[in-house]
Amino acid sequence: MSNREVEEYATANTSRTRWAFDVTPGRERHVALQLQELGCTDVERPTKGYVIAHCDPTAVPVIKRLSG
């Protein structure tokens, strides 16, 4: 990797934060799919009522308005 590639990778990773979202039980799959459509990565459904994902902080206000 060139220095530029390393810098771009580091910048991309720092702009994404791991978020845990409390969702309506039974709606985890629906919310996870919507998060992926919004560009979130590493979307997980660890337990009923929660979805965890790496998302850009600017996407959080949009995510909070999702149904479920």
C-alpha atoms as a PDB file:
ATOM      1  CA  MET A   1       0.000   0.000   0.000  1.00  0.00           C
ATOM      2  CA  SER A   2       1.194   3.471  -0.756  1.00  0.00           C
ATOM      3  CA  ASN A   3       1.201   6.180   1.906  1.00  0.00           C
ATOM      4  CA  ARG A   4      -1.785   7.761   0.225  1.00  0.00           C
ATOM      5  CA  GLU A   5      -3.757   4.495   0.345  1.00  0.00           C
ATOM      6  CA  VAL A   6      -2.902   4.039   4.011  1.00  0.00           C
ATOM      7  CA  GLU A   7      -4.015   7.602   4.767  1.00  0.00           C
ATOM      8  CA  GLU A   8      -7.296   7.161   2.869  1.00  0.00           C
ATOM      9  CA  TYR A   9      -7.970   3.878   4.684  1.00  0.00           C
ATOM     10  CA  ALA A  10      -7.275   5.460   8.080  1.00  0.00           C
ATOM     11  CA  THR A  11      -9.493   8.429   7.285  1.00  0.00           C
ATOM     12  CA  ALA A  12     -12.326   6.190   6.100  1.00  0.00           C
ATOM     13  CA  ASN A  13     -12.154   4.089   9.261  1.00  0.00           C
ATOM     14  CA  THR A  14     -12.135   7.065  11.630  1.00  0.00           C
ATOM     15  CA  SER A  15     -15.220   8.556   9.997  1.00  0.00           C
ATOM     16  CA  ARG A  16     -17.249   5.469  10.861  1.00  0.00           C
ATOM     17  CA  THR A  17     -18.275   4.765  14.413  1.00  0.00           C
ATOM     18  CA  ARG A  18     -19.788   1.605  15.864  1.00  0.00           C
ATOM     19  CA  TRP A  19     -23.372   2.294  16.935  1.00  0.00           C
ATOM     20  CA  ALA A  20     -25.835   0.164  18.892  1.00  0.00           C
ATOM     21  CA  PHE A  21     -29.473   0.814  18.064  1.00  0.00           C
ATOM     22  CA  ASP A  22     -32.379  -0.189  20.301  1.00  0.00           C
ATOM     23  CA  VAL A  23     -35.120  -1.365  17.925  1.00  0.00           C
ATOM     24  CA  THR A  24     -38.620  -2.763  18.271  1.00  0.00           C
ATOM     25  CA  PRO A  25     -38.303  -6.515  18.940  1.00  0.00           C
ATOM     26  CA  GLY A  26     -39.029  -8.414  15.750  1.00  0.00           C
ATOM     27  CA  ARG A  27     -37.934  -5.506  13.523  1.00  0.00           C
ATOM     28  CA  GLU A  28     -34.182  -6.195  13.705  1.00  0.00           C
ATOM     29  CA  ARG A  29     -33.943  -7.667  10.202  1.00  0.00           C
ATOM     30  CA  HIS A  30     -35.904  -4.782   8.685  1.00  0.00           C
ATOM     31  CA  VAL A  31     -33.731  -2.166  10.407  1.00  0.00           C
ATOM     32  CA  ALA A  32     -30.516  -4.041   9.520  1.00  0.00           C
ATOM     33  CA  LEU A  33     -31.461  -4.018   5.837  1.00  0.00           C
ATOM     34  CA  GLN A  34     -32.233  -0.302   5.964  1.00  0.00           C
ATOM     35  CA  LEU A  35     -28.890   0.396   7.649  1.00  0.00           C
ATOM     36  CA  GLN A  36     -27.090  -1.466   4.871  1.00  0.00           C
ATOM     37  CA  GLU A  37     -28.970   0.598   2.274  1.00  0.00           C
ATOM     38  CA  LEU A  38     -27.755   3.757   4.050  1.00  0.00           C
ATOM     39  CA  GLY A  39     -24.152   2.594   3.733  1.00  0.00           C
ATOM     40  CA  CYS A  40     -23.578   1.158   7.195  1.00  0.00           C
ATOM     41  CA  THR A  41     -21.191  -1.803   7.369  1.00  0.00           C
ATOM     42  CA  ASP A  42     -20.635  -4.746   9.715  1.00  0.00           C
ATOM     43  CA  VAL A  43     -24.345  -4.818  10.560  1.00  0.00           C
ATOM     44  CA  GLU A  44     -25.084  -7.345  13.310  1.00  0.00           C
ATOM     45  CA  ARG A  45     -28.202  -8.475  15.158  1.00  0.00           C
ATOM     46  CA  PRO A  46     -26.652  -9.829  18.366  1.00  0.00           C
ATOM     47  CA  THR A  47     -29.841 -10.182  20.370  1.00  0.00           C
ATOM     48  CA  LYS A  48     -33.538  -9.429  20.151  1.00  0.00           C
ATOM     49  CA  GLY A  49     -34.198  -5.702  20.114  1.00  0.00           C
ATOM     50  CA  TYR A  50     -30.710  -4.539  19.085  1.00  0.00           C
ATOM     51  CA  VAL A  51     -28.790  -3.854  15.895  1.00  0.00           C
ATOM     52  CA  ILE A  52     -25.106  -2.906  15.874  1.00  0.00           C
ATOM     53  CA  ALA A  53     -23.348  -1.331  12.882  1.00  0.00           C
ATOM     54  CA  HIS A  54     -20.486   0.865  11.743  1.00  0.00           C
ATOM     55  CA  CYS A  55     -22.097   4.042  10.423  1.00  0.00           C
ATOM     56  CA  ASP A  56     -21.051   7.516   9.486  1.00  0.00           C
ATOM     57  CA  PRO A  57     -22.126   9.841  12.332  1.00  0.00           C
ATOM     58  CA  THR A  58     -23.913  12.088   9.841  1.00  0.00           C
ATOM     59  CA  ALA A  59     -26.299   9.194   9.042  1.00  0.00           C
ATOM     60  CA  VAL A  60     -27.500   8.819  12.650  1.00  0.00           C
ATOM     61  CA  PRO A  61     -30.276  11.465  12.483  1.00  0.00           C
ATOM     62  CA  VAL A  62     -31.705   9.679   9.419  1.00  0.00           C
ATOM     63  CA  ILE A  63     -31.375   6.299  11.139  1.00  0.00           C
ATOM     64  CA  LYS A  64     -33.210   7.510  14.234  1.00  0.00           C
ATOM     65  CA  ARG A  65     -36.244   8.317  12.046  1.00  0.00           C
ATOM     66  CA  LEU A  66     -36.447   4.805  10.550  1.00  0.00           C
ATOM     67  CA  SER A  67     -39.539   2.818  11.424  1.00  0.00           C
ATOM     68  CA  GLY A  68     -38.862   0.057  13.892  1.00  0.00           C
END
